[in-house]
Amino acid sequence: MELRHLRYFVIVAEELSFRRAARRLHVSHPALSQQIQDLEDELGLKLMERDSRRVELTEVGRAFLTGARRTLQAAKQAVTLAQEAARGERGSLVIGCIGALVSSFLPDALARLREQRPLVEATVLHMNNRAQIEALLDGSITLGIGYFGSLIDEDEREQLSIQLLLRSPVAIAFSKHCRMPNVHRQSLKTFAMTYSCRSIWSMDKGTRSGFEDFVAGLGG
């Protein structure tokens, strides 16, 4: 049984005339009659009583008509949903991110997304960098926003597409009245680990992870 059999049957049932139904479907009268006969043979049921003067649905045919209409409507809806998904108008978007990194732009971006694509469901998950990479690889999230860099090995890099989103300046600040060692005799890494990491534990987990990755990548 194919959808066209259901569509032909519904039109004949609505018209109660093979001739009018054939004109409406742009098929020949004999071809339409044969399609309905094939449907009845496949079902092993008599759906219509017909002679040269009239067409009348049987009790079985009236019950089948209800189901046929529902099936055709469901098929039409399925096509619509698939087309919307193909155009990016429907679906789900799961974003893994580091909260402090995206706070300046992600809320506005999501607001525009909801306005332009109201049928797309967006979910934001706060995750550290390593967790984002693993979630991207296993399909748990659609995209990740974080500090990746050296965290991604060669095998992972072949499976992921990475685009630079923004550049964020990093600076170290301290009071002019604070006695500091001669920083020229220390590496920036040593300086950062000695002085900046005292407050790093007050950061959220994702930001802390990003900072640690940054410090780890500094020259010794």
Protein backbone atom coordinates (compact mmCIF):
# COMPACT_ATOMS: atom_id res chain seq x y z
CA MET A 1 0.00 0.00 0.00
CA GLU A 2 1.29 3.45 -0.93
CA LEU A 3 0.18 6.92 0.03
CA ARG A 4 -1.26 7.45 -3.44
CA HIS A 5 -3.72 4.61 -2.82
CA LEU A 6 -4.96 6.42 0.28
CA ARG A 7 -5.11 9.74 -1.53
CA TYR A 8 -7.10 8.22 -4.42
CA PHE A 9 -9.48 6.51 -2.02
CA VAL A 10 -10.12 9.71 -0.04
CA ILE A 11 -10.88 11.72 -3.19
CA VAL A 12 -13.28 9.08 -4.49
CA ALA A 13 -14.95 8.93 -1.07
CA GLU A 14 -15.36 12.72 -1.08
CA GLU A 15 -16.73 12.87 -4.62
CA LEU A 16 -18.69 9.59 -4.56
CA SER A 17 -17.97 9.49 -8.26
CA PHE A 18 -15.05 7.91 -10.07
CA ARG A 19 -15.46 10.26 -13.01
CA ARG A 20 -15.31 13.44 -10.92
CA ALA A 21 -12.52 12.03 -8.75
CA ALA A 22 -10.50 11.13 -11.86
CA ARG A 23 -10.81 14.70 -13.17
CA ARG A 24 -9.76 16.07 -9.80
CA LEU A 25 -6.73 13.75 -9.64
CA HIS A 26 -5.85 14.20 -13.34
CA VAL A 27 -5.88 10.47 -14.00
CA SER A 28 -8.03 8.33 -16.24
CA HIS A 29 -11.25 6.79 -14.98
CA PRO A 30 -10.12 3.17 -15.60
CA ALA A 31 -6.73 3.76 -13.93
CA LEU A 32 -8.38 5.20 -10.83
CA SER A 33 -10.85 2.33 -10.65
CA GLN A 34 -7.98 -0.15 -10.87
CA GLN A 35 -6.08 1.60 -8.04
CA ILE A 36 -9.11 1.33 -5.73
CA GLN A 37 -9.56 -2.31 -6.69
CA ASP A 38 -5.88 -2.98 -5.93
CA LEU A 39 -6.33 -1.34 -2.51
CA GLU A 40 -9.35 -3.46 -1.70
CA ASP A 41 -7.54 -6.62 -2.85
CA GLU A 42 -4.53 -5.83 -0.66
CA LEU A 43 -6.72 -5.18 2.38
CA GLY A 44 -9.06 -8.07 1.66
CA LEU A 45 -11.94 -5.69 2.40
CA LYS A 46 -14.80 -4.16 0.46
CA LEU A 47 -14.51 -0.40 0.84
CA MET A 48 -17.07 0.73 -1.69
CA GLU A 49 -20.25 -0.42 -3.34
CA ARG A 50 -20.31 0.81 -6.89
CA ASP A 51 -22.20 0.35 -10.11
CA SER A 52 -22.72 2.40 -13.25
CA ARG A 53 -24.92 4.88 -11.40
CA ARG A 54 -23.49 5.40 -7.94
CA VAL A 55 -20.61 4.94 -5.50
CA GLU A 56 -21.31 4.36 -1.82
CA LEU A 57 -18.93 3.66 1.05
CA THR A 58 -19.43 0.51 3.04
CA GLU A 59 -19.32 0.61 6.83
CA VAL A 60 -15.75 -0.68 6.56
CA GLY A 61 -14.98 2.02 4.00
CA ARG A 62 -16.23 4.79 6.29
CA ALA A 63 -13.98 3.54 9.09
CA PHE A 64 -11.05 3.28 6.70
CA LEU A 65 -11.67 6.83 5.43
CA THR A 66 -11.09 8.26 8.90
CA GLY A 67 -7.77 6.46 9.25
CA ALA A 68 -6.71 7.30 5.70
CA ARG A 69 -7.24 11.02 6.27
CA ARG A 70 -5.22 10.90 9.49
CA THR A 71 -2.38 9.06 7.75
CA LEU A 72 -2.25 11.55 4.88
CA GLN A 73 -2.27 14.48 7.31
CA ALA A 74 0.52 12.89 9.35
CA ALA A 75 2.58 12.32 6.20
CA LYS A 76 2.08 15.95 5.15
CA GLN A 77 3.12 17.14 8.60
CA ALA A 78 6.22 14.92 8.51
CA VAL A 79 7.27 16.46 5.19
CA THR A 80 6.76 19.98 6.57
CA LEU A 81 8.84 19.22 9.66
CA ALA A 82 11.64 17.73 7.56
CA GLN A 83 11.69 20.74 5.23
CA GLU A 84 11.80 23.15 8.18
CA ALA A 85 14.67 21.21 9.71
CA ALA A 86 16.55 21.19 6.39
CA ARG A 87 16.22 24.98 6.20
CA GLY A 88 17.40 25.38 9.80
CA GLU A 89 13.99 26.64 10.91
CA ARG A 90 13.32 23.78 13.32
CA GLY A 91 15.45 21.58 15.53
CA SER A 92 17.59 21.76 18.62
CA LEU A 93 20.84 23.57 19.34
CA VAL A 94 22.83 22.54 22.40
CA ILE A 95 25.67 24.93 23.26
CA GLY A 96 28.46 24.11 25.68
CA CYS A 97 30.21 27.20 27.00
CA ILE A 98 32.22 28.89 29.72
CA GLY A 99 29.91 31.36 31.42
CA ALA A 100 32.29 34.28 31.88
CA LEU A 101 33.53 34.00 28.31
CA VAL A 102 30.11 34.28 26.64
CA SER A 103 28.27 36.58 29.03
CA SER A 104 28.96 39.65 26.91
CA PHE A 105 27.38 38.33 23.70
CA LEU A 106 25.55 34.99 24.04
CA PRO A 107 22.32 36.28 25.67
CA ASP A 108 21.80 38.77 22.82
CA ALA A 109 22.69 36.14 20.22
CA LEU A 110 20.16 33.70 21.67
CA ALA A 111 17.49 36.43 21.73
CA ARG A 112 18.04 37.05 18.01
CA LEU A 113 17.95 33.31 17.34
CA ARG A 114 14.59 32.98 19.11
CA GLU A 115 13.26 35.90 17.09
CA GLN A 116 14.48 34.60 13.74
CA ARG A 117 14.08 30.85 14.37
CA PRO A 118 11.26 30.43 16.92
CA LEU A 119 11.01 26.70 16.22
CA VAL A 120 14.67 26.06 17.14
CA GLU A 121 15.09 25.03 20.77
CA ALA A 122 18.39 26.33 22.17
CA THR A 123 19.93 24.92 25.35
CA VAL A 124 23.03 26.31 27.05
CA LEU A 125 25.21 24.07 29.22
CA HIS A 126 28.07 25.49 31.29
CA MET A 127 31.02 23.16 30.79
CA ASN A 128 34.79 23.40 31.09
CA ASN A 129 36.95 23.13 28.00
CA ARG A 130 37.78 19.43 28.24
CA ALA A 131 34.15 18.50 28.87
CA GLN A 132 33.10 20.48 25.79
CA ILE A 133 35.55 18.62 23.58
CA GLU A 134 34.33 15.26 24.82
CA ALA A 135 30.69 16.30 24.42
CA LEU A 136 31.32 17.48 20.86
CA LEU A 137 32.94 14.17 19.98
CA ASP A 138 30.10 12.07 21.40
CA GLY A 139 27.38 14.33 19.99
CA SER A 140 26.01 15.56 23.33
CA ILE A 141 26.36 19.20 22.26
CA THR A 142 26.09 20.93 18.90
CA LEU A 143 28.84 23.48 19.42
CA GLY A 144 31.24 24.57 22.11
CA ILE A 145 32.56 27.99 23.05
CA GLY A 146 35.74 27.95 25.11
CA TYR A 147 39.51 28.11 25.24
CA PHE A 148 40.66 25.08 23.29
CA GLY A 149 44.13 25.56 21.81
CA SER A 150 46.56 22.91 23.02
CA LEU A 151 43.78 20.98 24.76
CA ILE A 152 42.85 19.31 21.47
CA ASP A 153 45.15 16.56 20.25
CA GLU A 154 45.71 15.74 16.58
CA ASP A 155 43.12 12.95 16.42
CA GLU A 156 40.47 15.19 17.95
CA ARG A 157 41.41 18.10 15.71
CA GLU A 158 40.68 15.97 12.64
CA GLN A 159 37.14 15.39 13.93
CA LEU A 160 36.34 18.96 14.92
CA SER A 161 36.03 22.24 13.07
CA ILE A 162 37.41 25.15 15.10
CA GLN A 163 36.77 28.81 14.28
CA LEU A 164 38.16 31.83 16.11
CA LEU A 165 35.21 33.64 17.67
CA LEU A 166 36.87 36.53 19.48
CA ARG A 167 40.15 37.72 20.96
CA SER A 168 40.19 38.58 24.64
CA PRO A 169 43.12 40.52 26.17
CA VAL A 170 44.58 39.05 29.33
CA ALA A 171 46.38 41.33 31.80
CA ILE A 172 47.92 41.11 35.25
CA ALA A 173 47.21 44.05 37.57
CA PHE A 174 48.51 44.81 41.04
CA SER A 175 48.78 47.78 43.36
CA LYS A 176 51.64 50.23 42.83
CA HIS A 177 52.18 50.16 46.59
CA CYS A 178 52.73 46.42 46.66
CA ARG A 179 56.34 45.29 46.83
CA MET A 180 56.84 42.96 43.89
CA PRO A 181 59.86 40.90 42.96
CA ASN A 182 61.82 41.71 39.84
CA VAL A 183 59.43 40.21 37.30
CA HIS A 184 62.11 40.39 34.61
CA ARG A 185 63.94 37.62 36.41
CA GLN A 186 60.86 35.39 36.46
CA SER A 187 58.92 33.79 33.70
CA LEU A 188 55.39 35.08 33.23
CA LYS A 189 54.20 31.58 34.01
CA THR A 190 55.94 31.61 37.41
CA PHE A 191 54.62 35.08 38.15
CA ALA A 192 51.07 34.13 37.23
CA MET A 193 51.16 30.94 39.26
CA THR A 194 52.61 32.76 42.27
CA TYR A 195 50.36 35.81 42.38
CA SER A 196 47.28 35.44 40.18
CA CYS A 197 46.32 31.93 41.21
CA ARG A 198 45.66 33.11 44.75
CA SER A 199 42.27 34.35 43.53
CA ILE A 200 41.65 31.87 40.77
CA TRP A 201 39.61 29.57 43.04
CA SER A 202 36.92 32.25 43.31
CA MET A 203 36.26 31.88 39.56
CA ASP A 204 33.61 29.55 38.18
CA LYS A 205 34.90 26.16 37.11
CA GLY A 206 34.87 26.90 33.38
CA THR A 207 36.71 30.20 33.71
CA ARG A 208 39.24 28.67 36.09
CA SER A 209 39.89 25.88 33.61
CA GLY A 210 40.44 28.39 30.83
CA PHE A 211 42.83 30.42 32.96
CA GLU A 212 44.80 27.33 33.91
CA ASP A 213 45.07 26.36 30.25
CA PHE A 214 46.30 29.85 29.44
CA VAL A 215 48.92 29.79 32.18
CA ALA A 216 50.05 26.30 31.18
CA GLY A 217 50.66 27.55 27.65
CA LEU A 218 52.94 30.42 28.72
CA GLY A 219 56.65 30.13 28.20
CA GLY A 220 58.80 29.02 31.13
